[in-house]
Amino acid sequence: MEQETHHVVTVAAKRDIMLKRIARASAWALLAAVIVAVVSGWGITQTGIIYRLTFGLIDRGLADAIHRATNVPMALFFLSHVFINIKLMISRKSPSRGLLTSSILGVIGAGLLAITIYMEYFRLGG
C-alpha cells in the first residue's frame, strides 16, 4: 500500500513539473508574440522607420496583417500560462480537487479562447 501511494505522489509530481514547464514555455512564447505585436504596431504607426529597419520587407499592409495575426496566439499563450498557474496554485492548496479544478479551468479557458477567435475571425462588420 505504501508503494502505491508513493507511486501516485510521483505521478502527481511529474504532472506538476510538466505543467510548470508548459507554463514557462507559454510565458516565453507570449513574450515573443508581444514583441512581434509591438514591432508590427510600430510598423503601422511608424511605417517609415520599420520599413527602413527591415530593408523594405515590412510595409504598412504587412505590418497590419502581422499585427492582426498575433491576437489569437497571444490569447492562447496568455490563457494557457494563467490557467495552468491557477491550477497549480489550487492543487497545491487542496490536492483533492484536481480533476474538478482542471475541468472548470479548461472550460473557462476554452470559452475565452473561443470568444477571442470569434471576435477575430467571425464577427460581422470587422
Protein backbone atom coordinates (compact mmCIF):
# COMPACT_ATOMS: atom_id res chain seq x y z
CA MET A 1 0.00 0.00 0.00
CA GLU A 2 2.81 2.38 0.84
CA GLN A 3 4.46 1.88 -2.56
CA GLU A 4 1.17 2.55 -4.32
CA THR A 5 0.79 5.90 -2.53
CA HIS A 6 4.39 6.76 -3.34
CA HIS A 7 3.69 5.99 -7.00
CA VAL A 8 0.64 8.29 -7.01
CA VAL A 9 2.68 11.09 -5.47
CA THR A 10 5.40 10.55 -8.06
CA VAL A 11 2.89 10.70 -10.91
CA ALA A 12 1.36 13.89 -9.47
CA ALA A 13 4.80 15.41 -9.00
CA LYS A 14 5.75 14.55 -12.60
CA ARG A 15 2.47 16.07 -13.82
CA ASP A 16 3.13 19.27 -11.88
CA ILE A 17 6.66 19.51 -13.25
CA MET A 18 5.33 19.09 -16.79
CA LEU A 19 2.64 21.73 -16.18
CA LYS A 20 5.28 24.13 -14.82
CA ARG A 21 7.38 23.58 -17.96
CA ILE A 22 4.37 24.21 -20.20
CA ALA A 23 3.52 27.36 -18.21
CA ARG A 24 7.09 28.60 -18.57
CA ALA A 25 7.16 27.83 -22.30
CA SER A 26 3.84 29.63 -22.77
CA ALA A 27 5.25 32.66 -20.93
CA TRP A 28 8.25 32.80 -23.29
CA ALA A 29 6.00 32.32 -26.32
CA LEU A 30 3.75 35.11 -25.03
CA LEU A 31 6.77 37.39 -24.67
CA ALA A 32 7.81 36.66 -28.27
CA ALA A 33 4.26 37.29 -29.52
CA VAL A 34 4.08 40.59 -27.62
CA ILE A 35 7.39 41.70 -29.14
CA VAL A 36 6.09 40.84 -32.62
CA ALA A 37 2.86 42.75 -31.87
CA VAL A 38 4.78 45.80 -30.65
CA VAL A 39 7.10 45.86 -33.67
CA SER A 40 4.21 45.33 -36.09
CA GLY A 41 2.26 48.06 -34.27
CA TRP A 42 5.17 50.40 -34.86
CA GLY A 43 5.09 49.25 -38.48
CA ILE A 44 1.52 50.51 -38.67
CA THR A 45 2.09 53.82 -36.86
CA GLN A 46 5.74 54.49 -37.77
CA THR A 47 5.80 52.93 -41.22
CA GLY A 48 8.89 54.73 -42.49
CA ILE A 49 11.10 53.68 -39.58
CA ILE A 50 10.09 50.00 -39.64
CA TYR A 51 10.26 49.92 -43.45
CA ARG A 52 13.87 51.14 -43.34
CA LEU A 53 14.86 48.91 -40.39
CA THR A 54 13.56 45.82 -42.21
CA PHE A 55 15.20 46.87 -45.52
CA GLY A 56 11.83 47.29 -47.19
CA LEU A 57 10.41 43.92 -46.13
CA ILE A 58 7.63 45.21 -43.86
CA ASP A 59 5.32 47.89 -45.20
CA ARG A 60 2.14 49.16 -43.54
CA GLY A 61 -0.08 46.45 -45.07
CA LEU A 62 2.17 43.58 -43.98
CA ALA A 63 2.62 45.14 -40.52
CA ASP A 64 -1.16 45.32 -40.16
CA ALA A 65 -1.56 41.68 -41.24
CA ILE A 66 1.16 40.55 -38.81
CA HIS A 67 -0.36 42.62 -36.02
CA ARG A 68 -3.81 41.10 -36.53
CA ALA A 69 -2.36 37.58 -36.79
CA THR A 70 -0.78 37.85 -33.32
CA ASN A 71 -4.10 38.26 -31.45
CA VAL A 72 -5.15 34.61 -31.25
CA PRO A 73 -1.66 33.22 -30.43
CA MET A 74 -1.25 35.86 -27.70
CA ALA A 75 -4.63 34.92 -26.23
CA LEU A 76 -3.74 31.21 -26.38
CA PHE A 77 -0.35 31.68 -24.70
CA PHE A 78 -1.76 34.07 -22.10
CA LEU A 79 -4.71 31.85 -21.19
CA SER A 80 -2.61 28.69 -21.01
CA HIS A 81 0.00 30.40 -18.84
CA VAL A 82 -2.54 31.91 -16.44
CA PHE A 83 -4.85 28.91 -16.15
CA ILE A 84 -2.03 26.40 -15.69
CA ASN A 85 -0.61 28.52 -12.88
CA ILE A 86 -4.05 28.89 -11.29
CA LYS A 87 -4.49 25.10 -11.48
CA LEU A 88 -1.08 24.53 -9.87
CA MET A 89 -1.84 27.02 -7.10
CA ILE A 90 -5.24 25.46 -6.32
CA SER A 91 -3.95 21.88 -6.47
CA ARG A 92 -1.13 22.83 -4.09
CA LYS A 93 -3.65 24.13 -1.54
CA SER A 94 -6.25 21.37 -1.96
CA PRO A 95 -4.97 18.40 -3.98
CA SER A 96 -8.27 16.51 -3.72
CA ARG A 97 -9.99 18.88 -6.15
CA GLY A 98 -7.61 18.25 -9.04
CA LEU A 99 -10.00 16.86 -11.66
CA LEU A 100 -12.80 19.30 -10.83
CA THR A 101 -10.41 22.25 -10.93
CA SER A 102 -8.88 21.14 -14.23
CA SER A 103 -12.32 20.68 -15.77
CA ILE A 104 -13.65 24.06 -14.70
CA LEU A 105 -10.49 25.91 -15.73
CA GLY A 106 -10.42 24.05 -19.05
CA VAL A 107 -14.00 25.04 -19.84
CA ILE A 108 -13.41 28.68 -18.88
CA GLY A 109 -10.16 28.85 -20.87
CA ALA A 110 -11.70 27.20 -23.94
CA GLY A 111 -14.65 29.58 -23.73
CA LEU A 112 -12.42 32.65 -23.55
CA LEU A 113 -10.31 31.39 -26.44
CA ALA A 114 -13.46 30.69 -28.48
CA ILE A 115 -14.67 34.26 -27.83
CA THR A 116 -11.29 35.60 -28.96
CA ILE A 117 -11.38 33.51 -32.16
CA TYR A 118 -14.96 34.57 -32.85
CA MET A 119 -14.12 38.25 -32.36
CA GLU A 120 -11.06 37.94 -34.61
CA TYR A 121 -12.48 35.93 -37.48
CA PHE A 122 -16.27 35.66 -37.41
CA ARG A 123 -17.83 38.86 -36.17
CA LEU A 124 -19.77 40.92 -38.64
CA GLY A 125 -18.51 44.31 -39.72
CA GLY A 126 -14.90 43.53 -38.72
